[in-house]
């Protein structure tokens, strides 16, 4: 008497969400390097503050977005896949900008 509604493994979308949330493990490193943004004299005070806030808060944003897309995937899978892919591109774009400009 097995419940046939239970999945037998991870779906590709579940793996995509897991990979999307993987940078959360680097949060302690982000905490460690964020004060070094103050050493960059080419950044304005607003840029330093925005980059530091991003480095401190990105895990919360990733978890919230992953939960939203997981719930959305149950009703509209194509839209959830597109949203997850777009969110990943935006996240890594912002992260790349911070690394290129902030730690230069």
PDB file of N, CA and C in Angstrom:
ATOM      1  N   UNK A   1       0.829  -1.185   0.000  1.00  0.00           N
ATOM      2  CA  UNK A   1       0.000   0.000   0.000  1.00  0.00           C
ATOM      3  C   UNK A   1       0.873   1.248   0.000  1.00  0.00           C
ATOM      4  N   UNK A   2       1.375   1.547  -1.138  1.00  0.00           N
ATOM      5  CA  UNK A   2       2.176   2.758  -1.281  1.00  0.00           C
ATOM      6  C   UNK A   2       1.324   3.859  -1.855  1.00  0.00           C
ATOM      7  N   UNK A   3       1.643   5.044  -1.434  1.00  0.00           N
ATOM      8  CA  UNK A   3       0.972   6.215  -1.968  1.00  0.00           C
ATOM      9  C   UNK A   3       1.610   6.554  -3.314  1.00  0.00           C
ATOM     10  N   UNK A   4       0.855   6.526  -4.360  1.00  0.00           N
ATOM     11  CA  UNK A   4       1.411   6.757  -5.693  1.00  0.00           C
ATOM     12  C   UNK A   4       1.714   8.228  -5.967  1.00  0.00           C
ATOM     13  N   UNK A   5       1.309   9.123  -5.082  1.00  0.00           N
ATOM     14  CA  UNK A   5       1.561  10.551  -5.287  1.00  0.00           C
ATOM     15  C   UNK A   5       2.966  10.957  -4.865  1.00  0.00           C
ATOM     16  N   UNK A   6       3.651  10.107  -4.123  1.00  0.00           N
ATOM     17  CA  UNK A   6       4.996  10.455  -3.678  1.00  0.00           C
ATOM     18  C   UNK A   6       5.975  10.290  -4.834  1.00  0.00           C
ATOM     19  N   UNK A   7       6.866  11.243  -4.978  1.00  0.00           N
ATOM     20  CA  UNK A   7       7.847  11.149  -6.054  1.00  0.00           C
ATOM     21  C   UNK A   7       8.955  10.181  -5.656  1.00  0.00           C
ATOM     22  N   UNK A   8       9.584   9.603  -6.637  1.00  0.00           N
ATOM     23  CA  UNK A   8      10.622   8.608  -6.403  1.00  0.00           C
ATOM     24  C   UNK A   8      12.018   9.229  -6.378  1.00  0.00           C
ATOM     25  N   UNK A   9      12.143  10.482  -6.642  1.00  0.00           N
ATOM     26  CA  UNK A   9      13.446  11.142  -6.639  1.00  0.00           C
ATOM     27  C   UNK A   9      13.280  12.626  -6.880  1.00  0.00           C
ATOM     28  N   UNK A  10      14.404  13.265  -7.085  1.00  0.00           N
ATOM     29  CA  UNK A  10      14.377  14.693  -7.346  1.00  0.00           C
ATOM     30  C   UNK A  10      14.069  14.944  -8.813  1.00  0.00           C
ATOM     31  N   UNK A  11      13.225  15.916  -9.048  1.00  0.00           N
ATOM     32  CA  UNK A  11      12.948  16.326 -10.418  1.00  0.00           C
ATOM     33  C   UNK A  11      14.054  17.279 -10.879  1.00  0.00           C
ATOM     34  N   UNK A  12      14.188  17.497 -12.174  1.00  0.00           N
ATOM     35  CA  UNK A  12      15.185  18.471 -12.651  1.00  0.00           C
ATOM     36  C   UNK A  12      14.943  19.877 -12.074  1.00  0.00           C
ATOM     37  N   UNK A  13      13.680  20.235 -11.857  1.00  0.00           N
ATOM     38  CA  UNK A  13      13.404  21.550 -11.284  1.00  0.00           C
ATOM     39  C   UNK A  13      13.879  21.627  -9.835  1.00  0.00           C
ATOM     40  N   UNK A  14      13.737  20.531  -9.090  1.00  0.00           N
ATOM     41  CA  UNK A  14      14.227  20.508  -7.705  1.00  0.00           C
ATOM     42  C   UNK A  14      15.744  20.656  -7.665  1.00  0.00           C
ATOM     43  N   UNK A  15      16.428  20.015  -8.607  1.00  0.00           N
ATOM     44  CA  UNK A  15      17.874  20.182  -8.692  1.00  0.00           C
ATOM     45  C   UNK A  15      18.240  21.619  -9.057  1.00  0.00           C
ATOM     46  N   UNK A  16      17.454  22.227  -9.927  1.00  0.00           N
ATOM     47  CA  UNK A  16      17.715  23.616 -10.305  1.00  0.00           C
ATOM     48  C   UNK A  16      17.547  24.543  -9.103  1.00  0.00           C
ATOM     49  N   UNK A  17      16.538  24.291  -8.287  1.00  0.00           N
ATOM     50  CA  UNK A  17      16.354  25.101  -7.078  1.00  0.00           C
ATOM     51  C   UNK A  17      17.514  24.883  -6.108  1.00  0.00           C
ATOM     52  N   UNK A  18      17.962  23.637  -5.979  1.00  0.00           N
ATOM     53  CA  UNK A  18      19.096  23.357  -5.100  1.00  0.00           C
ATOM     54  C   UNK A  18      20.354  24.087  -5.569  1.00  0.00           C
ATOM     55  N   UNK A  19      20.603  24.083  -6.866  1.00  0.00           N
ATOM     56  CA  UNK A  19      21.764  24.804  -7.397  1.00  0.00           C
ATOM     57  C   UNK A  19      21.605  26.311  -7.272  1.00  0.00           C
ATOM     58  N   UNK A  20      20.363  26.789  -7.375  1.00  0.00           N
ATOM     59  CA  UNK A  20      20.082  28.209  -7.216  1.00  0.00           C
ATOM     60  C   UNK A  20      20.394  28.655  -5.788  1.00  0.00           C
ATOM     61  N   UNK A  21      20.127  27.776  -4.819  1.00  0.00           N
ATOM     62  CA  UNK A  21      20.351  28.121  -3.411  1.00  0.00           C
ATOM     63  C   UNK A  21      21.764  27.789  -2.929  1.00  0.00           C
ATOM     64  N   UNK A  22      22.589  27.172  -3.755  1.00  0.00           N
ATOM     65  CA  UNK A  22      23.932  26.784  -3.363  1.00  0.00           C
ATOM     66  C   UNK A  22      24.810  27.953  -2.890  1.00  0.00           C
ATOM     67  N   UNK A  23      24.711  29.155  -3.460  1.00  0.00           N
ATOM     68  CA  UNK A  23      25.547  30.262  -2.971  1.00  0.00           C
ATOM     69  C   UNK A  23      25.263  30.664  -1.520  1.00  0.00           C
ATOM     70  N   UNK A  24      24.186  30.154  -0.936  1.00  0.00           N
ATOM     71  CA  UNK A  24      23.909  30.444   0.467  1.00  0.00           C
ATOM     72  C   UNK A  24      25.035  29.911   1.345  1.00  0.00           C
ATOM     73  N   UNK A  25      25.679  28.847   0.914  1.00  0.00           N
ATOM     74  CA  UNK A  25      26.784  28.284   1.690  1.00  0.00           C
ATOM     75  C   UNK A  25      27.980  29.235   1.759  1.00  0.00           C
ATOM     76  N   UNK A  26      28.065  30.173   0.835  1.00  0.00           N
ATOM     77  CA  UNK A  26      29.169  31.143   0.825  1.00  0.00           C
ATOM     78  C   UNK A  26      28.864  32.400   1.621  1.00  0.00           C
ATOM     79  N   UNK A  27      27.736  32.416   2.318  1.00  0.00           N
ATOM     80  CA  UNK A  27      27.359  33.607   3.069  1.00  0.00           C
ATOM     81  C   UNK A  27      28.393  34.000   4.122  1.00  0.00           C
ATOM     82  N   UNK A  28      28.984  33.060   4.886  1.00  0.00           N
ATOM     83  CA  UNK A  28      30.024  33.494   5.841  1.00  0.00           C
ATOM     84  C   UNK A  28      31.203  34.186   5.153  1.00  0.00           C
ATOM     85  N   UNK A  29      31.552  33.731   3.965  1.00  0.00           N
ATOM     86  CA  UNK A  29      32.629  34.394   3.222  1.00  0.00           C
ATOM     87  C   UNK A  29      32.225  35.810   2.828  1.00  0.00           C
ATOM     88  N   UNK A  30      30.971  35.980   2.436  1.00  0.00           N
ATOM     89  CA  UNK A  30      30.483  37.314   2.084  1.00  0.00           C
ATOM     90  C   UNK A  30      30.520  38.236   3.303  1.00  0.00           C
ATOM     91  N   UNK A  31      30.219  37.688   4.471  1.00  0.00           N
ATOM     92  CA  UNK A  31      30.298  38.487   5.692  1.00  0.00           C
ATOM     93  C   UNK A  31      31.734  38.920   5.972  1.00  0.00           C
ATOM     94  N   UNK A  32      32.660  38.040   5.655  1.00  0.00           N
ATOM     95  CA  UNK A  32      34.068  38.315   5.911  1.00  0.00           C
ATOM     96  C   UNK A  32      34.646  39.358   4.963  1.00  0.00           C
ATOM     97  N   UNK A  33      34.245  39.336   3.697  1.00  0.00           N
ATOM     98  CA  UNK A  33      34.856  40.240   2.716  1.00  0.00           C
ATOM     99  C   UNK A  33      34.100  41.552   2.546  1.00  0.00           C
ATOM    100  N   UNK A  34      32.876  41.651   3.033  1.00  0.00           N
ATOM    101  CA  UNK A  34      32.111  42.881   2.805  1.00  0.00           C
ATOM    102  C   UNK A  34      32.743  44.126   3.435  1.00  0.00           C
ATOM    103  N   UNK A  35      33.429  44.055   4.588  1.00  0.00           N
ATOM    104  CA  UNK A  35      34.086  45.277   5.088  1.00  0.00           C
ATOM    105  C   UNK A  35      35.203  45.784   4.187  1.00  0.00           C
ATOM    106  N   UNK A  36      35.744  44.937   3.322  1.00  0.00           N
ATOM    107  CA  UNK A  36      36.817  45.363   2.421  1.00  0.00           C
ATOM    108  C   UNK A  36      36.317  46.264   1.297  1.00  0.00           C
ATOM    109  N   UNK A  37      35.010  46.372   1.151  1.00  0.00           N
ATOM    110  CA  UNK A  37      34.479  47.319   0.168  1.00  0.00           C
ATOM    111  C   UNK A  37      34.811  48.754   0.563  1.00  0.00           C
ATOM    112  N   UNK A  38      34.988  49.002   1.843  1.00  0.00           N
ATOM    113  CA  UNK A  38      35.330  50.351   2.313  1.00  0.00           C
ATOM    114  C   UNK A  38      36.716  50.786   1.854  1.00  0.00           C
ATOM    115  N   UNK A  39      37.578  49.818   1.520  1.00  0.00           N
ATOM    116  CA  UNK A  39      38.937  50.143   1.079  1.00  0.00           C
ATOM    117  C   UNK A  39      38.991  50.665  -0.350  1.00  0.00           C
ATOM    118  N   UNK A  40      37.924  50.484  -1.107  1.00  0.00           N
ATOM    119  CA  UNK A  40      37.889  50.947  -2.491  1.00  0.00           C
ATOM    120  C   UNK A  40      37.505  52.427  -2.507  1.00  0.00           C
ATOM    121  N   UNK A  41      38.449  53.272  -2.850  1.00  0.00           N
ATOM    122  CA  UNK A  41      38.225  54.720  -2.829  1.00  0.00           C
ATOM    123  C   UNK A  41      37.411  55.205  -4.015  1.00  0.00           C
ATOM    124  N   UNK A  42      37.235  54.371  -5.032  1.00  0.00           N
ATOM    125  CA  UNK A  42      36.501  54.771  -6.231  1.00  0.00           C
ATOM    126  C   UNK A  42      34.994  54.618  -6.071  1.00  0.00           C
ATOM    127  N   UNK A  43      34.555  53.986  -4.992  1.00  0.00           N
ATOM    128  CA  UNK A  43      33.127  53.789  -4.775  1.00  0.00           C
ATOM    129  C   UNK A  43      32.554  54.905  -3.919  1.00  0.00           C
ATOM    130  N   UNK A  44      31.347  55.313  -4.247  1.00  0.00           N
ATOM    131  CA  UNK A  44      30.672  56.300  -3.405  1.00  0.00           C
ATOM    132  C   UNK A  44      30.114  55.599  -2.173  1.00  0.00           C
ATOM    133  N   UNK A  45      29.682  56.385  -1.224  1.00  0.00           N
ATOM    134  CA  UNK A  45      29.130  55.829   0.007  1.00  0.00           C
ATOM    135  C   UNK A  45      27.867  55.004  -0.265  1.00  0.00           C
ATOM    136  N   UNK A  46      27.065  55.469  -1.203  1.00  0.00           N
ATOM    137  CA  UNK A  46      25.829  54.740  -1.540  1.00  0.00           C
ATOM    138  C   UNK A  46      26.162  53.401  -2.190  1.00  0.00           C
ATOM    139  N   UNK A  47      27.172  53.362  -3.056  1.00  0.00           N
ATOM    140  CA  UNK A  47      27.556  52.101  -3.696  1.00  0.00           C
ATOM    141  C   UNK A  47      28.077  51.098  -2.675  1.00  0.00           C
ATOM    142  N   UNK A  48      28.904  51.558  -1.755  1.00  0.00           N
ATOM    143  CA  UNK A  48      29.436  50.680  -0.717  1.00  0.00           C
ATOM    144  C   UNK A  48      28.304  50.135   0.138  1.00  0.00           C
ATOM    145  N   UNK A  49      27.380  51.002   0.515  1.00  0.00           N
ATOM    146  CA  UNK A  49      26.254  50.573   1.353  1.00  0.00           C
ATOM    147  C   UNK A  49      25.369  49.569   0.605  1.00  0.00           C
ATOM    148  N   UNK A  50      25.076  49.830  -0.672  1.00  0.00           N
ATOM    149  CA  UNK A  50      24.226  48.918  -1.442  1.00  0.00           C
ATOM    150  C   UNK A  50      24.899  47.558  -1.645  1.00  0.00           C
ATOM    151  N   UNK A  51      26.190  47.557  -1.945  1.00  0.00           N
ATOM    152  CA  UNK A  51      26.897  46.295  -2.126  1.00  0.00           C
ATOM    153  C   UNK A  51      26.976  45.510  -0.822  1.00  0.00           C
ATOM    154  N   UNK A  52      27.213  46.199   0.279  1.00  0.00           N
ATOM    155  CA  UNK A  52      27.259  45.519   1.579  1.00  0.00           C
ATOM    156  C   UNK A  52      25.900  44.940   1.945  1.00  0.00           C
ATOM    157  N   UNK A  53      24.839  45.684   1.697  1.00  0.00           N
ATOM    158  CA  UNK A  53      23.494  45.175   1.986  1.00  0.00           C
ATOM    159  C   UNK A  53      23.204  43.947   1.143  1.00  0.00           C
ATOM    160  N   UNK A  54      23.602  43.958  -0.134  1.00  0.00           N
ATOM    161  CA  UNK A  54      23.401  42.792  -0.982  1.00  0.00           C
ATOM    162  C   UNK A  54      24.159  41.591  -0.432  1.00  0.00           C
ATOM    163  N   UNK A  55      25.418  41.783  -0.053  1.00  0.00           N
ATOM    164  CA  UNK A  55      26.211  40.666   0.450  1.00  0.00           C
ATOM    165  C   UNK A  55      25.671  40.125   1.771  1.00  0.00           C
ATOM    166  N   UNK A  56      25.021  40.968   2.551  1.00  0.00           N
ATOM    167  CA  UNK A  56      24.484  40.518   3.829  1.00  0.00           C
ATOM    168  C   UNK A  56      23.104  39.886   3.684  1.00  0.00           C
ATOM    169  N   UNK A  57      22.339  40.282   2.687  1.00  0.00           N
ATOM    170  CA  UNK A  57      20.934  39.852   2.593  1.00  0.00           C
ATOM    171  C   UNK A  57      20.628  38.876   1.466  1.00  0.00           C
ATOM    172  N   UNK A  58      21.586  38.546   0.627  1.00  0.00           N
ATOM    173  CA  UNK A  58      21.245  37.702  -0.517  1.00  0.00           C
ATOM    174  C   UNK A  58      20.741  36.314  -0.133  1.00  0.00           C
ATOM    175  N   UNK A  59      21.181  35.694   0.989  1.00  0.00           N
ATOM    176  CA  UNK A  59      20.620  34.366   1.292  1.00  0.00           C
ATOM    177  C   UNK A  59      19.116  34.404   1.546  1.00  0.00           C
ATOM    178  N   UNK A  60      18.649  35.422   2.231  1.00  0.00           N
ATOM    179  CA  UNK A  60      17.219  35.552   2.492  1.00  0.00           C
ATOM    180  C   UNK A  60      16.449  35.713   1.181  1.00  0.00           C
ATOM    181  N   UNK A  61      16.961  36.521   0.279  1.00  0.00           N
ATOM    182  CA  UNK A  61      16.293  36.720  -1.011  1.00  0.00           C
ATOM    183  C   UNK A  61      16.269  35.428  -1.821  1.00  0.00           C
ATOM    184  N   UNK A  62      17.370  34.669  -1.808  1.00  0.00           N
ATOM    185  CA  UNK A  62      17.407  33.416  -2.558  1.00  0.00           C
ATOM    186  C   UNK A  62      16.408  32.404  -2.006  1.00  0.00           C
ATOM    187  N   UNK A  63      16.311  32.316  -0.691  1.00  0.00           N
ATOM    188  CA  UNK A  63      15.371  31.366  -0.082  1.00  0.00           C
ATOM    189  C   UNK A  63      13.930  31.754  -0.397  1.00  0.00           C
ATOM    190  N   UNK A  64      13.616  33.024  -0.302  1.00  0.00           N
ATOM    191  CA  UNK A  64      12.247  33.475  -0.594  1.00  0.00           C
ATOM    192  C   UNK A  64      11.905  33.226  -2.063  1.00  0.00           C
ATOM    193  N   UNK A  65      12.817  33.555  -2.964  1.00  0.00           N
ATOM    194  CA  UNK A  65      12.566  33.322  -4.387  1.00  0.00           C
ATOM    195  C   UNK A  65      12.440  31.833  -4.698  1.00  0.00           C
ATOM    196  N   UNK A  66      13.279  31.011  -4.079  1.00  0.00           N
ATOM    197  CA  UNK A  66      13.195  29.567  -4.317  1.00  0.00           C
ATOM    198  C   UNK A  66      11.845  29.023  -3.855  1.00  0.00           C
ATOM    199  N   UNK A  67      11.363  29.473  -2.730  1.00  0.00           N
ATOM    200  CA  UNK A  67      10.059  29.013  -2.232  1.00  0.00           C
ATOM    201  C   UNK A  67       8.925  29.472  -3.151  1.00  0.00           C
ATOM    202  N   UNK A  68       8.993  30.700  -3.595  1.00  0.00           N
ATOM    203  CA  UNK A  68       7.960  31.212  -4.508  1.00  0.00           C
ATOM    204  C   UNK A  68       7.944  30.402  -5.799  1.00  0.00           C
ATOM    205  N   UNK A  69       9.113  30.138  -6.371  1.00  0.00           N
ATOM    206  CA  UNK A  69       9.158  29.394  -7.629  1.00  0.00           C
ATOM    207  C   UNK A  69       8.796  27.925  -7.439  1.00  0.00           C
ATOM    208  N   UNK A  70       9.095  27.361  -6.272  1.00  0.00           N
ATOM    209  CA  UNK A  70       8.686  25.981  -6.007  1.00  0.00           C
ATOM    210  C   UNK A  70       7.167  25.872  -5.961  1.00  0.00           C
ATOM    211  N   UNK A  71       6.543  26.818  -5.275  1.00  0.00           N
ATOM    212  CA  UNK A  71       5.079  26.806  -5.201  1.00  0.00           C
ATOM    213  C   UNK A  71       4.454  27.116  -6.563  1.00  0.00           C
ATOM    214  N   UNK A  72       5.066  28.004  -7.306  1.00  0.00           N
ATOM    215  CA  UNK A  72       4.565  28.348  -8.630  1.00  0.00           C
ATOM    216  C   UNK A  72       4.718  27.177  -9.610  1.00  0.00           C
ATOM    217  N   UNK A  73       5.748  26.380  -9.414  1.00  0.00           N
ATOM    218  CA  UNK A  73       5.990  25.240 -10.292  1.00  0.00           C
ATOM    219  C   UNK A  73       4.852  24.219 -10.217  1.00  0.00           C
ATOM    220  N   UNK A  74       4.157  24.163  -9.104  1.00  0.00           N
ATOM    221  CA  UNK A  74       3.044  23.230  -8.969  1.00  0.00           C
ATOM    222  C   UNK A  74       1.868  23.627  -9.863  1.00  0.00           C
ATOM    223  N   UNK A  75       1.716  24.913 -10.145  1.00  0.00           N
ATOM    224  CA  UNK A  75       0.588  25.383 -10.959  1.00  0.00           C
ATOM    225  C   UNK A  75       0.990  25.745 -12.385  1.00  0.00           C
ATOM    226  N   UNK A  76       2.105  26.436 -12.520  1.00  0.00           N
ATOM    227  CA  UNK A  76       2.565  26.890 -13.838  1.00  0.00           C
ATOM    228  C   UNK A  76       4.049  26.553 -13.989  1.00  0.00           C
ATOM    229  N   UNK A  77       4.366  25.321 -14.380  1.00  0.00           N
ATOM    230  CA  UNK A  77       5.777  24.901 -14.437  1.00  0.00           C
ATOM    231  C   UNK A  77       6.636  25.705 -15.408  1.00  0.00           C
ATOM    232  N   UNK A  78       6.105  26.042 -16.565  1.00  0.00           N
ATOM    233  CA  UNK A  78       6.915  26.779 -17.548  1.00  0.00           C
ATOM    234  C   UNK A  78       7.265  28.171 -17.041  1.00  0.00           C
ATOM    235  N   UNK A  79       6.315  28.841 -16.423  1.00  0.00           N
ATOM    236  CA  UNK A  79       6.560  30.174 -15.890  1.00  0.00           C
ATOM    237  C   UNK A  79       7.553  30.112 -14.727  1.00  0.00           C
ATOM    238  N   UNK A  80       7.462  29.065 -13.905  1.00  0.00           N
ATOM    239  CA  UNK A  80       8.380  28.918 -12.773  1.00  0.00           C
ATOM    240  C   UNK A  80       9.810  28.666 -13.273  1.00  0.00           C
ATOM    241  N   UNK A  81       9.967  27.846 -14.305  1.00  0.00           N
ATOM    242  CA  UNK A  81      11.306  27.604 -14.858  1.00  0.00           C
ATOM    243  C   UNK A  81      11.905  28.883 -15.430  1.00  0.00           C
ATOM    244  N   UNK A  82      11.093  29.640 -16.147  1.00  0.00           N
ATOM    245  CA  UNK A  82      11.568  30.904 -16.707  1.00  0.00           C
ATOM    246  C   UNK A  82      11.942  31.886 -15.599  1.00  0.00           C
ATOM    247  N   UNK A  83      11.113  31.984 -14.578  1.00  0.00           N
ATOM    248  CA  UNK A  83      11.398  32.889 -13.460  1.00  0.00           C
ATOM    249  C   UNK A  83      12.644  32.496 -12.705  1.00  0.00           C
ATOM    250  N   UNK A  84      12.836  31.191 -12.487  1.00  0.00           N
ATOM    251  CA  UNK A  84      14.030  30.726 -11.792  1.00  0.00           C
ATOM    252  C   UNK A  84      15.283  31.017 -12.611  1.00  0.00           C
ATOM    253  N   UNK A  85      15.210  30.775 -13.905  1.00  0.00           N
ATOM    254  CA  UNK A  85      16.366  31.051 -14.768  1.00  0.00           C
ATOM    255  C   UNK A  85      16.677  32.548 -14.806  1.00  0.00           C
ATOM    256  N   UNK A  86      15.655  33.365 -14.920  1.00  0.00           N
ATOM    257  CA  UNK A  86      15.860  34.813 -14.946  1.00  0.00           C
ATOM    258  C   UNK A  86      16.423  35.314 -13.619  1.00  0.00           C
ATOM    259  N   UNK A  87      15.926  34.784 -12.512  1.00  0.00           N
ATOM    260  CA  UNK A  87      16.444  35.168 -11.196  1.00  0.00           C
ATOM    261  C   UNK A  87      17.902  34.775 -11.031  1.00  0.00           C
ATOM    262  N   UNK A  88      18.277  33.613 -11.527  1.00  0.00           N
ATOM    263  CA  UNK A  88      19.672  33.179 -11.445  1.00  0.00           C
ATOM    264  C   UNK A  88      20.575  34.096 -12.269  1.00  0.00           C
ATOM    265  N   UNK A  89      20.125  34.465 -13.460  1.00  0.00           N
ATOM    266  CA  UNK A  89      20.919  35.367 -14.299  1.00  0.00           C
ATOM    267  C   UNK A  89      21.085  36.728 -13.622  1.00  0.00           C
ATOM    268  N   UNK A  90      20.012  37.249 -13.050  1.00  0.00           N
ATOM    269  CA  UNK A  90      20.082  38.546 -12.360  1.00  0.00           C
ATOM    270  C   UNK A  90      20.998  38.453 -11.147  1.00  0.00           C
ATOM    271  N   UNK A  91      20.856  37.389 -10.345  1.00  0.00           N
ATOM    272  CA  UNK A  91      21.697  37.232  -9.153  1.00  0.00           C
ATOM    273  C   UNK A  91      23.176  37.188  -9.529  1.00  0.00           C
ATOM    274  N   UNK A  92      23.522  36.333 -10.505  1.00  0.00           N
ATOM    275  CA  UNK A  92      24.928  36.219 -10.870  1.00  0.00           C
ATOM    276  C   UNK A  92      25.429  37.466 -11.595  1.00  0.00           C
ATOM    277  N   UNK A  93      24.555  38.193 -12.260  1.00  0.00           N
ATOM    278  CA  UNK A  93      24.948  39.464 -12.857  1.00  0.00           C
ATOM    279  C   UNK A  93      25.304  40.497 -11.802  1.00  0.00           C
ATOM    280  N   UNK A  94      24.459  40.610 -10.785  1.00  0.00           N
ATOM    281  CA  UNK A  94      24.735  41.551  -9.689  1.00  0.00           C
ATOM    282  C   UNK A  94      25.989  41.129  -8.929  1.00  0.00           C
ATOM    283  N   UNK A  95      26.130  39.835  -8.677  1.00  0.00           N
ATOM    284  CA  UNK A  95      27.318  39.343  -7.984  1.00  0.00           C
ATOM    285  C   UNK A  95      28.581  39.613  -8.794  1.00  0.00           C
ATOM    286  N   UNK A  96      28.512  39.396 -10.089  1.00  0.00           N
ATOM    287  CA  UNK A  96      29.659  39.691 -10.948  1.00  0.00           C
ATOM    288  C   UNK A  96      30.013  41.171 -10.950  1.00  0.00           C
ATOM    289  N   UNK A  97      28.983  42.025 -10.953  1.00  0.00           N
ATOM    290  CA  UNK A  97      29.225  43.469 -10.896  1.00  0.00           C
ATOM    291  C   UNK A  97      29.916  43.849  -9.590  1.00  0.00           C
ATOM    292  N   UNK A  98      29.445  43.280  -8.478  1.00  0.00           N
ATOM    293  CA  UNK A  98      30.056  43.598  -7.182  1.00  0.00           C
ATOM    294  C   UNK A  98      31.499  43.130  -7.143  1.00  0.00           C
ATOM    295  N   UNK A  99      31.773  41.951  -7.676  1.00  0.00           N
ATOM    296  CA  UNK A  99      33.147  41.451  -7.677  1.00  0.00           C
ATOM    297  C   UNK A  99      34.030  42.299  -8.588  1.00  0.00           C
ATOM    298  N   UNK A 100      33.529  42.650  -9.770  1.00  0.00           N
ATOM    299  CA  UNK A 100      34.343  43.409 -10.726  1.00  0.00           C
ATOM    300  C   UNK A 100      34.584  44.848 -10.281  1.00  0.00           C
ATOM    301  N   UNK A 101      33.556  45.483  -9.742  1.00  0.00           N
ATOM    302  CA  UNK A 101      33.671  46.901  -9.395  1.00  0.00           C
ATOM    303  C   UNK A 101      34.069  47.096  -7.933  1.00  0.00           C
ATOM    304  N   UNK A 102      33.464  46.333  -7.049  1.00  0.00           N
ATOM    305  CA  UNK A 102      33.671  46.551  -5.622  1.00  0.00           C
ATOM    306  C   UNK A 102      35.026  46.117  -5.104  1.00  0.00           C
ATOM    307  N   UNK A 103      35.542  45.045  -5.650  1.00  0.00           N
ATOM    308  CA  UNK A 103      36.811  44.514  -5.148  1.00  0.00           C
ATOM    309  C   UNK A 103      37.951  44.734  -6.119  1.00  0.00           C
ATOM    310  N   UNK A 104      37.848  45.751  -6.947  1.00  0.00           N
ATOM    311  CA  UNK A 104      38.881  46.069  -7.918  1.00  0.00           C
ATOM    312  C   UNK A 104      39.962  46.894  -7.278  1.00  0.00           C
TER     313      UNK A 104
END
